[in-house]
């Protein structure tokens, strides 16, 4: 990835975090650098790359700016689901504009994977109609909803089968609710999307009706290595801070060396052939939580001031306790927090 792009993103990461404003300029830079076509076929203007290469680029981006890299994961997840569907119409309708950055798409699928799974009734329900399906409910977590032309989301039919659609955000009955100020990543404009009897025509159908629709196709969702890659990227930024401090404080050399070894283990795991997604997530989560706190301890009072990179890293590290975090990973984190390991 271009060094100038990464430098530009890093220089403005703190301002994006503090302002909470949607990073329009940063996304435009990604488009200009040709970084929006990772998962889009060449026939639609994309420049496909391997999963290994995309993971490496996500890590670099997260080191520079977690907000921008997170938004990109949600956009790319939508692109993957559209590109890997059998719906030729929606591909021709959407992918070229997505590859160029003229339009934005995102995903709202947490209610089908990790969020609100305990609810007795479906969070988003679907009923068959003559035109396609009628959707009602609230999609709970949609990054960049207010800026999206399409939201790839799912719904549950009365027979418990599920569908996945490219929801056109200008459809009657679609409302983007106000986005919430979060502990970090407020600039991602993650908000609920309310659906009131929204008729989605069959031409927007990506998958289903079928049981467990999220298991069909590829989308970089829960269980993928993407979350671990971003956590590793934030951890590396903290390691860079610790290395700078250790250059002028010899007492920090053992700490630097220990975290360098920890990071090397996570790096090796992410680069290995067919790594365990769960193990990678546990190790990456553990590292980013510990190393961000170490960065704060090392920078002392200066790091406790709002806007300092250590303060930002602490808040960003917390994100990995909630983003697409399956129960085994939560359990591992709790075990470490109560020293059961």
C-alpha atoms as a PDB file:
ATOM      1  CA  UNK A   1       0.000   0.000   0.000  1.00  0.00           C
ATOM      2  CA  UNK A   2       1.246   3.505  -0.821  1.00  0.00           C
ATOM      3  CA  UNK A   3       3.271   5.035   2.020  1.00  0.00           C
ATOM      4  CA  UNK A   4       1.954   8.516   1.243  1.00  0.00           C
ATOM      5  CA  UNK A   5      -1.625   7.289   1.631  1.00  0.00           C
ATOM      6  CA  UNK A   6      -0.871   5.649   4.978  1.00  0.00           C
ATOM      7  CA  UNK A   7       0.974   8.748   6.179  1.00  0.00           C
ATOM      8  CA  UNK A   8      -1.929  11.001   5.220  1.00  0.00           C
ATOM      9  CA  UNK A   9      -4.444   8.772   6.992  1.00  0.00           C
ATOM     10  CA  UNK A  10      -2.290   8.577  10.119  1.00  0.00           C
ATOM     11  CA  UNK A  11      -1.824  12.343  10.290  1.00  0.00           C
ATOM     12  CA  UNK A  12      -5.592  12.907  10.316  1.00  0.00           C
ATOM     13  CA  UNK A  13      -6.673   9.914  12.408  1.00  0.00           C
ATOM     14  CA  UNK A  14      -6.717  11.849  15.658  1.00  0.00           C
ATOM     15  CA  UNK A  15      -8.788  14.669  14.184  1.00  0.00           C
ATOM     16  CA  UNK A  16     -11.343  12.214  12.794  1.00  0.00           C
ATOM     17  CA  UNK A  17     -11.599  10.544  16.187  1.00  0.00           C
ATOM     18  CA  UNK A  18     -12.057  13.834  18.017  1.00  0.00           C
ATOM     19  CA  UNK A  19     -14.497  15.429  15.576  1.00  0.00           C
ATOM     20  CA  UNK A  20     -16.653  12.365  15.037  1.00  0.00           C
ATOM     21  CA  UNK A  21     -17.222  13.504  11.455  1.00  0.00           C
ATOM     22  CA  UNK A  22     -17.595  11.048   8.566  1.00  0.00           C
ATOM     23  CA  UNK A  23     -14.137  10.704   6.894  1.00  0.00           C
ATOM     24  CA  UNK A  24     -15.127  11.803   3.395  1.00  0.00           C
ATOM     25  CA  UNK A  25     -11.625  12.917   2.443  1.00  0.00           C
ATOM     26  CA  UNK A  26     -10.043   9.685   3.639  1.00  0.00           C
ATOM     27  CA  UNK A  27     -12.443   7.538   1.633  1.00  0.00           C
ATOM     28  CA  UNK A  28     -11.771   9.704  -1.410  1.00  0.00           C
ATOM     29  CA  UNK A  29      -8.056   9.090  -0.949  1.00  0.00           C
ATOM     30  CA  UNK A  30      -8.682   5.345  -0.923  1.00  0.00           C
ATOM     31  CA  UNK A  31     -10.633   5.690  -4.162  1.00  0.00           C
ATOM     32  CA  UNK A  32      -7.913   7.773  -5.817  1.00  0.00           C
ATOM     33  CA  UNK A  33      -5.305   5.207  -4.765  1.00  0.00           C
ATOM     34  CA  UNK A  34      -7.340   2.388  -6.308  1.00  0.00           C
ATOM     35  CA  UNK A  35      -7.995   0.705  -2.967  1.00  0.00           C
ATOM     36  CA  UNK A  36     -11.766   0.238  -3.329  1.00  0.00           C
ATOM     37  CA  UNK A  37     -11.750  -2.670  -5.751  1.00  0.00           C
ATOM     38  CA  UNK A  38     -10.226  -5.441  -3.639  1.00  0.00           C
ATOM     39  CA  UNK A  39     -13.282  -7.676  -3.898  1.00  0.00           C
ATOM     40  CA  UNK A  40     -14.834  -6.416  -7.127  1.00  0.00           C
ATOM     41  CA  UNK A  41     -14.283  -8.273 -10.431  1.00  0.00           C
ATOM     42  CA  UNK A  42     -12.190  -6.565 -13.078  1.00  0.00           C
ATOM     43  CA  UNK A  43     -15.145  -6.432 -15.459  1.00  0.00           C
ATOM     44  CA  UNK A  44     -16.732  -3.888 -13.109  1.00  0.00           C
ATOM     45  CA  UNK A  45     -13.571  -1.848 -12.645  1.00  0.00           C
ATOM     46  CA  UNK A  46     -12.231  -3.702  -9.635  1.00  0.00           C
ATOM     47  CA  UNK A  47      -8.710  -4.911  -8.931  1.00  0.00           C
ATOM     48  CA  UNK A  48      -9.181  -8.165  -6.987  1.00  0.00           C
ATOM     49  CA  UNK A  49      -6.513  -9.218  -4.494  1.00  0.00           C
ATOM     50  CA  UNK A  50      -6.053 -12.358  -2.432  1.00  0.00           C
ATOM     51  CA  UNK A  51      -7.373 -12.808   1.074  1.00  0.00           C
ATOM     52  CA  UNK A  52      -3.813 -12.768   2.395  1.00  0.00           C
ATOM     53  CA  UNK A  53      -3.052  -9.479   0.672  1.00  0.00           C
ATOM     54  CA  UNK A  54      -6.296  -7.862   1.830  1.00  0.00           C
ATOM     55  CA  UNK A  55      -5.525  -8.881   5.428  1.00  0.00           C
ATOM     56  CA  UNK A  56      -2.075  -7.314   5.173  1.00  0.00           C
ATOM     57  CA  UNK A  57      -3.564  -4.081   3.814  1.00  0.00           C
ATOM     58  CA  UNK A  58      -6.239  -3.974   6.518  1.00  0.00           C
ATOM     59  CA  UNK A  59      -3.496  -4.220   9.129  1.00  0.00           C
ATOM     60  CA  UNK A  60      -1.583  -1.340   7.577  1.00  0.00           C
ATOM     61  CA  UNK A  61      -4.725   0.779   7.395  1.00  0.00           C
ATOM     62  CA  UNK A  62      -5.670   0.048  11.015  1.00  0.00           C
ATOM     63  CA  UNK A  63      -2.215   1.115  12.153  1.00  0.00           C
ATOM     64  CA  UNK A  64      -2.776   4.405  10.337  1.00  0.00           C
ATOM     65  CA  UNK A  65      -6.492   5.005  11.059  1.00  0.00           C
ATOM     66  CA  UNK A  66      -8.843   2.480  12.634  1.00  0.00           C
ATOM     67  CA  UNK A  67     -11.944   4.500  11.735  1.00  0.00           C
ATOM     68  CA  UNK A  68     -11.176   4.449   8.015  1.00  0.00           C
ATOM     69  CA  UNK A  69     -10.151   0.797   8.013  1.00  0.00           C
ATOM     70  CA  UNK A  70     -13.269  -0.278   9.912  1.00  0.00           C
ATOM     71  CA  UNK A  71     -15.555   1.584   7.508  1.00  0.00           C
ATOM     72  CA  UNK A  72     -13.718  -0.107   4.643  1.00  0.00           C
ATOM     73  CA  UNK A  73     -14.362  -3.562   6.137  1.00  0.00           C
ATOM     74  CA  UNK A  74     -18.098  -2.892   6.210  1.00  0.00           C
ATOM     75  CA  UNK A  75     -18.094  -1.530   2.675  1.00  0.00           C
ATOM     76  CA  UNK A  76     -16.009  -4.413   1.398  1.00  0.00           C
ATOM     77  CA  UNK A  77     -18.290  -6.878   3.147  1.00  0.00           C
ATOM     78  CA  UNK A  78     -21.194  -5.492   1.136  1.00  0.00           C
ATOM     79  CA  UNK A  79     -19.170  -5.618  -2.087  1.00  0.00           C
ATOM     80  CA  UNK A  80     -18.248  -9.246  -1.448  1.00  0.00           C
ATOM     81  CA  UNK A  81     -21.825 -10.310  -0.833  1.00  0.00           C
ATOM     82  CA  UNK A  82     -23.006  -8.566  -3.995  1.00  0.00           C
ATOM     83  CA  UNK A  83     -20.132  -9.810  -6.162  1.00  0.00           C
ATOM     84  CA  UNK A  84     -20.470 -13.404  -4.926  1.00  0.00           C
ATOM     85  CA  UNK A  85     -24.236 -13.532  -5.426  1.00  0.00           C
ATOM     86  CA  UNK A  86     -25.916 -15.037  -8.476  1.00  0.00           C
ATOM     87  CA  UNK A  87     -27.804 -11.804  -9.103  1.00  0.00           C
ATOM     88  CA  UNK A  88     -26.321 -10.408 -12.315  1.00  0.00           C
ATOM     89  CA  UNK A  89     -28.637  -7.400 -12.318  1.00  0.00           C
ATOM     90  CA  UNK A  90     -27.518  -6.026  -8.959  1.00  0.00           C
ATOM     91  CA  UNK A  91     -23.890  -6.625  -9.906  1.00  0.00           C
ATOM     92  CA  UNK A  92     -24.190  -4.546 -13.072  1.00  0.00           C
ATOM     93  CA  UNK A  93     -26.273  -1.956 -11.238  1.00  0.00           C
ATOM     94  CA  UNK A  94     -23.908  -1.390  -8.315  1.00  0.00           C
ATOM     95  CA  UNK A  95     -20.362  -2.724  -8.587  1.00  0.00           C
ATOM     96  CA  UNK A  96     -18.841  -0.268 -11.069  1.00  0.00           C
ATOM     97  CA  UNK A  97     -19.923   2.715  -8.983  1.00  0.00           C
ATOM     98  CA  UNK A  98     -18.681   1.014  -5.820  1.00  0.00           C
ATOM     99  CA  UNK A  99     -15.286   0.285  -7.373  1.00  0.00           C
ATOM    100  CA  UNK A 100     -14.834   3.931  -8.348  1.00  0.00           C
ATOM    101  CA  UNK A 101     -16.085   5.303  -5.044  1.00  0.00           C
ATOM    102  CA  UNK A 102     -19.016   7.117  -6.639  1.00  0.00           C
ATOM    103  CA  UNK A 103     -21.381   5.310  -4.276  1.00  0.00           C
ATOM    104  CA  UNK A 104     -21.100   3.659  -0.873  1.00  0.00           C
ATOM    105  CA  UNK A 105     -22.568   0.399   0.369  1.00  0.00           C
ATOM    106  CA  UNK A 106     -22.407  -1.219   3.781  1.00  0.00           C
ATOM    107  CA  UNK A 107     -23.680  -4.188   5.761  1.00  0.00           C
ATOM    108  CA  UNK A 108     -26.261  -4.608   8.496  1.00  0.00           C
ATOM    109  CA  UNK A 109     -26.000  -8.276   9.400  1.00  0.00           C
ATOM    110  CA  UNK A 110     -25.098  -8.426  13.091  1.00  0.00           C
ATOM    111  CA  UNK A 111     -28.668  -9.456  13.963  1.00  0.00           C
ATOM    112  CA  UNK A 112     -28.050 -12.612  11.931  1.00  0.00           C
ATOM    113  CA  UNK A 113     -24.682 -13.360  13.518  1.00  0.00           C
ATOM    114  CA  UNK A 114     -23.759 -12.043  16.976  1.00  0.00           C
ATOM    115  CA  UNK A 115     -26.214  -9.296  17.987  1.00  0.00           C
ATOM    116  CA  UNK A 116     -29.642  -9.825  19.599  1.00  0.00           C
ATOM    117  CA  UNK A 117     -29.613 -13.566  19.016  1.00  0.00           C
ATOM    118  CA  UNK A 118     -31.551 -14.063  22.265  1.00  0.00           C
ATOM    119  CA  UNK A 119     -34.680 -12.326  20.949  1.00  0.00           C
ATOM    120  CA  UNK A 120     -37.775 -14.540  20.685  1.00  0.00           C
ATOM    121  CA  UNK A 121     -38.999 -12.690  17.592  1.00  0.00           C
ATOM    122  CA  UNK A 122     -36.850 -11.836  14.595  1.00  0.00           C
ATOM    123  CA  UNK A 123     -35.271  -8.402  14.773  1.00  0.00           C
ATOM    124  CA  UNK A 124     -36.081  -7.986  11.078  1.00  0.00           C
ATOM    125  CA  UNK A 125     -39.010 -10.004   9.726  1.00  0.00           C
ATOM    126  CA  UNK A 126     -39.840 -10.667   6.082  1.00  0.00           C
ATOM    127  CA  UNK A 127     -43.081 -11.626   4.380  1.00  0.00           C
ATOM    128  CA  UNK A 128     -43.291 -12.826   0.763  1.00  0.00           C
ATOM    129  CA  UNK A 129     -45.140 -10.513  -1.621  1.00  0.00           C
ATOM    130  CA  UNK A 130     -45.928 -10.569  -5.324  1.00  0.00           C
ATOM    131  CA  UNK A 131     -42.970  -8.242  -5.988  1.00  0.00           C
ATOM    132  CA  UNK A 132     -40.508  -9.840  -3.579  1.00  0.00           C
ATOM    133  CA  UNK A 133     -40.517  -9.385   0.192  1.00  0.00           C
ATOM    134  CA  UNK A 134     -41.862  -6.929   2.758  1.00  0.00           C
ATOM    135  CA  UNK A 135     -39.405  -6.157   5.556  1.00  0.00           C
ATOM    136  CA  UNK A 136     -40.212  -4.782   8.997  1.00  0.00           C
ATOM    137  CA  UNK A 137     -38.035  -4.224  12.043  1.00  0.00           C
ATOM    138  CA  UNK A 138     -34.821  -2.469  12.992  1.00  0.00           C
ATOM    139  CA  UNK A 139     -31.364  -3.327  11.724  1.00  0.00           C
ATOM    140  CA  UNK A 140     -29.318  -2.522  14.850  1.00  0.00           C
ATOM    141  CA  UNK A 141     -25.763  -1.691  13.738  1.00  0.00           C
ATOM    142  CA  UNK A 142     -25.202  -0.202  10.283  1.00  0.00           C
ATOM    143  CA  UNK A 143     -21.942   1.627   9.670  1.00  0.00           C
ATOM    144  CA  UNK A 144     -22.261   4.650   7.404  1.00  0.00           C
ATOM    145  CA  UNK A 145     -25.990   4.082   6.993  1.00  0.00           C
ATOM    146  CA  UNK A 146     -26.677   7.739   6.246  1.00  0.00           C
ATOM    147  CA  UNK A 147     -24.181   7.667   3.363  1.00  0.00           C
ATOM    148  CA  UNK A 148     -25.119   4.330   1.818  1.00  0.00           C
ATOM    149  CA  UNK A 149     -26.957   3.676  -1.422  1.00  0.00           C
ATOM    150  CA  UNK A 150     -27.340   0.018  -0.454  1.00  0.00           C
ATOM    151  CA  UNK A 151     -27.270  -1.851   2.832  1.00  0.00           C
ATOM    152  CA  UNK A 152     -26.706  -5.575   2.561  1.00  0.00           C
ATOM    153  CA  UNK A 153     -28.963  -6.950   5.263  1.00  0.00           C
ATOM    154  CA  UNK A 154     -31.064  -9.951   6.128  1.00  0.00           C
ATOM    155  CA  UNK A 155     -34.498 -10.876   7.406  1.00  0.00           C
ATOM    156  CA  UNK A 156     -36.307 -13.931   8.727  1.00  0.00           C
ATOM    157  CA  UNK A 157     -39.395 -15.419   7.079  1.00  0.00           C
ATOM    158  CA  UNK A 158     -42.324 -16.954   8.995  1.00  0.00           C
ATOM    159  CA  UNK A 159     -40.925 -20.460   8.332  1.00  0.00           C
ATOM    160  CA  UNK A 160     -37.595 -19.315   9.914  1.00  0.00           C
ATOM    161  CA  UNK A 161     -35.752 -19.303   6.606  1.00  0.00           C
ATOM    162  CA  UNK A 162     -33.645 -16.227   5.954  1.00  0.00           C
ATOM    163  CA  UNK A 163     -32.991 -13.924   3.019  1.00  0.00           C
ATOM    164  CA  UNK A 164     -30.145 -11.557   2.228  1.00  0.00           C
ATOM    165  CA  UNK A 165     -30.869  -8.437   0.175  1.00  0.00           C
ATOM    166  CA  UNK A 166     -29.144  -5.328  -1.142  1.00  0.00           C
ATOM    167  CA  UNK A 167     -31.582  -2.926   0.482  1.00  0.00           C
ATOM    168  CA  UNK A 168     -31.974   0.293  -1.555  1.00  0.00           C
ATOM    169  CA  UNK A 169     -31.846   3.043   1.034  1.00  0.00           C
ATOM    170  CA  UNK A 170     -34.244   5.264  -0.920  1.00  0.00           C
ATOM    171  CA  UNK A 171     -37.040   2.699  -0.667  1.00  0.00           C
ATOM    172  CA  UNK A 172     -40.246   3.933   1.029  1.00  0.00           C
ATOM    173  CA  UNK A 173     -40.313   2.988   4.695  1.00  0.00           C
ATOM    174  CA  UNK A 174     -36.539   3.078   5.250  1.00  0.00           C
ATOM    175  CA  UNK A 175     -35.393   5.452   7.999  1.00  0.00           C
ATOM    176  CA  UNK A 176     -31.865   5.973   9.299  1.00  0.00           C
ATOM    177  CA  UNK A 177     -32.057   6.759  13.006  1.00  0.00           C
ATOM    178  CA  UNK A 178     -29.551   9.137  14.660  1.00  0.00           C
ATOM    179  CA  UNK A 179     -26.123   7.602  15.129  1.00  0.00           C
ATOM    180  CA  UNK A 180     -24.853   7.142  18.658  1.00  0.00           C
ATOM    181  CA  UNK A 181     -21.700   8.664  20.117  1.00  0.00           C
ATOM    182  CA  UNK A 182     -19.530   5.658  20.870  1.00  0.00           C
ATOM    183  CA  UNK A 183     -16.507   5.049  23.084  1.00  0.00           C
ATOM    184  CA  UNK A 184     -14.524   5.085  19.841  1.00  0.00           C
ATOM    185  CA  UNK A 185     -15.241   5.119  16.104  1.00  0.00           C
ATOM    186  CA  UNK A 186     -18.097   7.613  16.389  1.00  0.00           C
ATOM    187  CA  UNK A 187     -17.037   8.903  12.963  1.00  0.00           C
ATOM    188  CA  UNK A 188     -18.126   5.586  11.452  1.00  0.00           C
ATOM    189  CA  UNK A 189     -21.696   6.904  11.764  1.00  0.00           C
ATOM    190  CA  UNK A 190     -22.942   3.512  12.931  1.00  0.00           C
ATOM    191  CA  UNK A 191     -26.695   3.768  13.418  1.00  0.00           C
ATOM    192  CA  UNK A 192     -29.893   1.714  13.481  1.00  0.00           C
ATOM    193  CA  UNK A 193     -31.970   1.506  10.324  1.00  0.00           C
ATOM    194  CA  UNK A 194     -35.720   1.265  10.815  1.00  0.00           C
ATOM    195  CA  UNK A 195     -37.818  -0.639   8.293  1.00  0.00           C
ATOM    196  CA  UNK A 196     -41.571  -0.089   8.162  1.00  0.00           C
ATOM    197  CA  UNK A 197     -43.241  -2.397   5.653  1.00  0.00           C
ATOM    198  CA  UNK A 198     -40.412  -1.905   3.162  1.00  0.00           C
ATOM    199  CA  UNK A 199     -41.090  -3.719  -0.106  1.00  0.00           C
ATOM    200  CA  UNK A 200     -37.864  -5.101  -1.558  1.00  0.00           C
ATOM    201  CA  UNK A 201     -38.207  -6.374  -5.098  1.00  0.00           C
ATOM    202  CA  UNK A 202     -36.767  -9.742  -6.095  1.00  0.00           C
ATOM    203  CA  UNK A 203     -34.111  -8.020  -8.195  1.00  0.00           C
ATOM    204  CA  UNK A 204     -32.392  -6.961  -4.953  1.00  0.00           C
ATOM    205  CA  UNK A 205     -32.271 -10.508  -3.558  1.00  0.00           C
ATOM    206  CA  UNK A 206     -28.726 -11.765  -2.952  1.00  0.00           C
ATOM    207  CA  UNK A 207     -29.377 -15.116  -1.262  1.00  0.00           C
ATOM    208  CA  UNK A 208     -32.199 -17.256   0.094  1.00  0.00           C
ATOM    209  CA  UNK A 209     -34.709 -18.031   1.223  1.00  0.00           C
ATOM    210  CA  UNK A 210     -32.600 -20.604   3.058  1.00  0.00           C
ATOM    211  CA  UNK A 211     -31.675 -21.572   6.593  1.00  0.00           C
ATOM    212  CA  UNK A 212     -28.682 -19.725   8.052  1.00  0.00           C
ATOM    213  CA  UNK A 213     -28.183 -17.488   5.035  1.00  0.00           C
ATOM    214  CA  UNK A 214     -24.927 -16.045   6.387  1.00  0.00           C
ATOM    215  CA  UNK A 215     -23.220 -19.396   5.931  1.00  0.00           C
ATOM    216  CA  UNK A 216     -23.716 -19.085   2.171  1.00  0.00           C
ATOM    217  CA  UNK A 217     -21.100 -17.248   0.139  1.00  0.00           C
ATOM    218  CA  UNK A 218     -18.295 -15.017   1.369  1.00  0.00           C
ATOM    219  CA  UNK A 219     -18.500 -11.717   3.140  1.00  0.00           C
ATOM    220  CA  UNK A 220     -15.669 -11.361   5.619  1.00  0.00           C
ATOM    221  CA  UNK A 221     -18.089 -11.543   8.511  1.00  0.00           C
ATOM    222  CA  UNK A 222     -17.972 -13.090  11.977  1.00  0.00           C
ATOM    223  CA  UNK A 223     -15.227 -15.637  12.367  1.00  0.00           C
ATOM    224  CA  UNK A 224     -13.089 -14.129   9.610  1.00  0.00           C
ATOM    225  CA  UNK A 225      -9.549 -12.919  10.211  1.00  0.00           C
ATOM    226  CA  UNK A 226     -10.410  -9.307   9.383  1.00  0.00           C
ATOM    227  CA  UNK A 227     -11.227  -8.330  12.968  1.00  0.00           C
ATOM    228  CA  UNK A 228      -7.978  -9.902  14.168  1.00  0.00           C
ATOM    229  CA  UNK A 229      -6.082  -8.045  11.468  1.00  0.00           C
ATOM    230  CA  UNK A 230      -7.445  -4.688  12.563  1.00  0.00           C
ATOM    231  CA  UNK A 231      -6.694  -5.469  16.214  1.00  0.00           C
ATOM    232  CA  UNK A 232      -3.136  -6.355  15.221  1.00  0.00           C
ATOM    233  CA  UNK A 233      -2.884  -3.071  13.337  1.00  0.00           C
ATOM    234  CA  UNK A 234      -3.827  -1.038  16.415  1.00  0.00           C
ATOM    235  CA  UNK A 235      -1.451  -3.146  18.517  1.00  0.00           C
ATOM    236  CA  UNK A 236       1.387  -2.386  16.112  1.00  0.00           C
ATOM    237  CA  UNK A 237       0.710   1.340  16.428  1.00  0.00           C
ATOM    238  CA  UNK A 238       1.047   0.968  20.212  1.00  0.00           C
ATOM    239  CA  UNK A 239       4.244  -1.032  19.750  1.00  0.00           C
ATOM    240  CA  UNK A 240       5.667   1.804  17.656  1.00  0.00           C
ATOM    241  CA  UNK A 241       4.883   4.232  20.488  1.00  0.00           C
ATOM    242  CA  UNK A 242       6.575   1.969  23.046  1.00  0.00           C
ATOM    243  CA  UNK A 243       9.618   1.565  20.793  1.00  0.00           C
ATOM    244  CA  UNK A 244       9.980   5.348  20.512  1.00  0.00           C
ATOM    245  CA  UNK A 245       9.809   5.721  24.281  1.00  0.00           C
ATOM    246  CA  UNK A 246      12.299   2.877  24.810  1.00  0.00           C
ATOM    247  CA  UNK A 247      14.846   4.685  22.633  1.00  0.00           C
ATOM    248  CA  UNK A 248      15.233   7.294  25.353  1.00  0.00           C
ATOM    249  CA  UNK A 249      14.392   5.173  28.422  1.00  0.00           C
ATOM    250  CA  UNK A 250      16.483   2.060  28.992  1.00  0.00           C
ATOM    251  CA  UNK A 251      14.116   0.815  31.699  1.00  0.00           C
ATOM    252  CA  UNK A 252      11.488   0.224  28.997  1.00  0.00           C
ATOM    253  CA  UNK A 253      13.633  -2.100  26.898  1.00  0.00           C
ATOM    254  CA  UNK A 254      12.389  -5.310  28.626  1.00  0.00           C
ATOM    255  CA  UNK A 255       8.784  -4.168  28.130  1.00  0.00           C
ATOM    256  CA  UNK A 256       9.451  -3.349  24.499  1.00  0.00           C
ATOM    257  CA  UNK A 257      11.097  -6.705  23.914  1.00  0.00           C
ATOM    258  CA  UNK A 258       8.269  -8.625  25.569  1.00  0.00           C
ATOM    259  CA  UNK A 259       5.591  -6.915  23.495  1.00  0.00           C
ATOM    260  CA  UNK A 260       7.684  -7.285  20.356  1.00  0.00           C
ATOM    261  CA  UNK A 261       7.716 -11.042  20.970  1.00  0.00           C
ATOM    262  CA  UNK A 262       3.962 -11.074  21.607  1.00  0.00           C
ATOM    263  CA  UNK A 263       3.309  -9.164  18.410  1.00  0.00           C
ATOM    264  CA  UNK A 264       5.582 -11.483  16.447  1.00  0.00           C
ATOM    265  CA  UNK A 265       3.474 -14.445  17.619  1.00  0.00           C
ATOM    266  CA  UNK A 266       0.248 -12.801  16.446  1.00  0.00           C
ATOM    267  CA  UNK A 267       1.901 -11.785  13.193  1.00  0.00           C
ATOM    268  CA  UNK A 268       3.104 -15.343  12.569  1.00  0.00           C
ATOM    269  CA  UNK A 269      -0.351 -16.724  13.338  1.00  0.00           C
ATOM    270  CA  UNK A 270      -2.056 -14.337  10.910  1.00  0.00           C
ATOM    271  CA  UNK A 271       0.468 -15.146   8.191  1.00  0.00           C
ATOM    272  CA  UNK A 272       0.269 -18.913   8.672  1.00  0.00           C
ATOM    273  CA  UNK A 273      -1.536 -21.237   6.293  1.00  0.00           C
ATOM    274  CA  UNK A 274      -5.162 -21.843   7.336  1.00  0.00           C
ATOM    275  CA  UNK A 275      -4.893 -20.141  10.751  1.00  0.00           C
ATOM    276  CA  UNK A 276      -7.579 -20.707  13.361  1.00  0.00           C
ATOM    277  CA  UNK A 277      -9.815 -17.627  13.247  1.00  0.00           C
ATOM    278  CA  UNK A 278     -10.860 -18.117  16.875  1.00  0.00           C
ATOM    279  CA  UNK A 279      -7.301 -18.499  18.159  1.00  0.00           C
ATOM    280  CA  UNK A 280      -6.133 -15.530  16.102  1.00  0.00           C
ATOM    281  CA  UNK A 281      -8.924 -13.393  17.532  1.00  0.00           C
ATOM    282  CA  UNK A 282      -8.164 -14.431  21.108  1.00  0.00           C
ATOM    283  CA  UNK A 283      -4.450 -13.666  20.721  1.00  0.00           C
ATOM    284  CA  UNK A 284      -4.983 -10.389  18.852  1.00  0.00           C
ATOM    285  CA  UNK A 285      -7.608  -9.205  21.341  1.00  0.00           C
ATOM    286  CA  UNK A 286      -5.395 -10.040  24.289  1.00  0.00           C
ATOM    287  CA  UNK A 287      -2.449  -8.222  22.763  1.00  0.00           C
ATOM    288  CA  UNK A 288      -4.266  -5.027  21.803  1.00  0.00           C
ATOM    289  CA  UNK A 289      -5.905  -4.745  25.229  1.00  0.00           C
ATOM    290  CA  UNK A 290      -2.613  -5.231  27.075  1.00  0.00           C
ATOM    291  CA  UNK A 291      -0.329  -3.198  24.849  1.00  0.00           C
ATOM    292  CA  UNK A 292      -2.669  -0.191  24.720  1.00  0.00           C
ATOM    293  CA  UNK A 293      -2.731  -0.089  28.526  1.00  0.00           C
ATOM    294  CA  UNK A 294       1.040  -0.382  28.576  1.00  0.00           C
ATOM    295  CA  UNK A 295       1.261   2.559  26.184  1.00  0.00           C
ATOM    296  CA  UNK A 296      -0.884   4.607  28.559  1.00  0.00           C
ATOM    297  CA  UNK A 297       1.187   3.614  31.591  1.00  0.00           C
ATOM    298  CA  UNK A 298       4.389   4.549  29.783  1.00  0.00           C
ATOM    299  CA  UNK A 299       3.147   7.941  28.588  1.00  0.00           C
ATOM    300  CA  UNK A 300       1.700   8.705  32.044  1.00  0.00           C
ATOM    301  CA  UNK A 301      -0.327  11.887  32.412  1.00  0.00           C
ATOM    302  CA  UNK A 302       0.299  13.037  28.869  1.00  0.00           C
ATOM    303  CA  UNK A 303      -1.279   9.847  27.556  1.00  0.00           C
ATOM    304  CA  UNK A 304      -4.346  10.410  29.725  1.00  0.00           C
ATOM    305  CA  UNK A 305      -5.188  13.660  27.947  1.00  0.00           C
ATOM    306  CA  UNK A 306      -7.983  13.502  25.382  1.00  0.00           C
ATOM    307  CA  UNK A 307      -6.519  13.321  21.910  1.00  0.00           C
ATOM    308  CA  UNK A 308      -3.232  11.651  22.829  1.00  0.00           C
ATOM    309  CA  UNK A 309      -2.508   8.555  20.746  1.00  0.00           C
ATOM    310  CA  UNK A 310      -2.321   6.368  23.868  1.00  0.00           C
ATOM    311  CA  UNK A 311      -5.730   7.578  25.039  1.00  0.00           C
ATOM    312  CA  UNK A 312      -7.190   6.897  21.598  1.00  0.00           C
ATOM    313  CA  UNK A 313      -5.610   3.449  21.461  1.00  0.00           C
ATOM    314  CA  UNK A 314      -7.154   2.515  24.818  1.00  0.00           C
ATOM    315  CA  UNK A 315     -10.627   3.353  23.543  1.00  0.00           C
ATOM    316  CA  UNK A 316     -10.056   1.687  20.197  1.00  0.00           C
ATOM    317  CA  UNK A 317      -8.859  -1.499  21.896  1.00  0.00           C
ATOM    318  CA  UNK A 318     -12.182  -1.737  23.725  1.00  0.00           C
ATOM    319  CA  UNK A 319     -13.929  -1.959  20.362  1.00  0.00           C
ATOM    320  CA  UNK A 320     -12.576  -5.448  19.806  1.00  0.00           C
ATOM    321  CA  UNK A 321     -14.475  -6.700  22.848  1.00  0.00           C
ATOM    322  CA  UNK A 322     -17.767  -6.005  21.070  1.00  0.00           C
ATOM    323  CA  UNK A 323     -17.206  -6.041  17.295  1.00  0.00           C
ATOM    324  CA  UNK A 324     -18.240  -9.408  15.844  1.00  0.00           C
ATOM    325  CA  UNK A 325     -17.060 -11.037  19.048  1.00  0.00           C
ATOM    326  CA  UNK A 326     -18.342 -14.639  19.291  1.00  0.00           C
ATOM    327  CA  UNK A 327     -18.900 -16.184  22.704  1.00  0.00           C
ATOM    328  CA  UNK A 328     -15.698 -18.288  22.816  1.00  0.00           C
ATOM    329  CA  UNK A 329     -13.639 -15.137  22.293  1.00  0.00           C
ATOM    330  CA  UNK A 330     -15.613 -13.305  24.985  1.00  0.00           C
ATOM    331  CA  UNK A 331     -15.068 -16.244  27.342  1.00  0.00           C
ATOM    332  CA  UNK A 332     -11.324 -16.199  26.681  1.00  0.00           C
ATOM    333  CA  UNK A 333     -11.200 -12.459  27.414  1.00  0.00           C
ATOM    334  CA  UNK A 334     -13.108 -12.897  30.666  1.00  0.00           C
ATOM    335  CA  UNK A 335     -10.809 -15.737  31.713  1.00  0.00           C
ATOM    336  CA  UNK A 336      -7.806 -13.496  31.168  1.00  0.00           C
ATOM    337  CA  UNK A 337      -9.391 -10.578  33.009  1.00  0.00           C
ATOM    338  CA  UNK A 338     -10.066 -12.692  36.107  1.00  0.00           C
ATOM    339  CA  UNK A 339      -6.657 -14.401  35.785  1.00  0.00           C
ATOM    340  CA  UNK A 340      -8.056 -17.881  35.173  1.00  0.00           C
ATOM    341  CA  UNK A 341      -5.482 -18.599  32.494  1.00  0.00           C
END
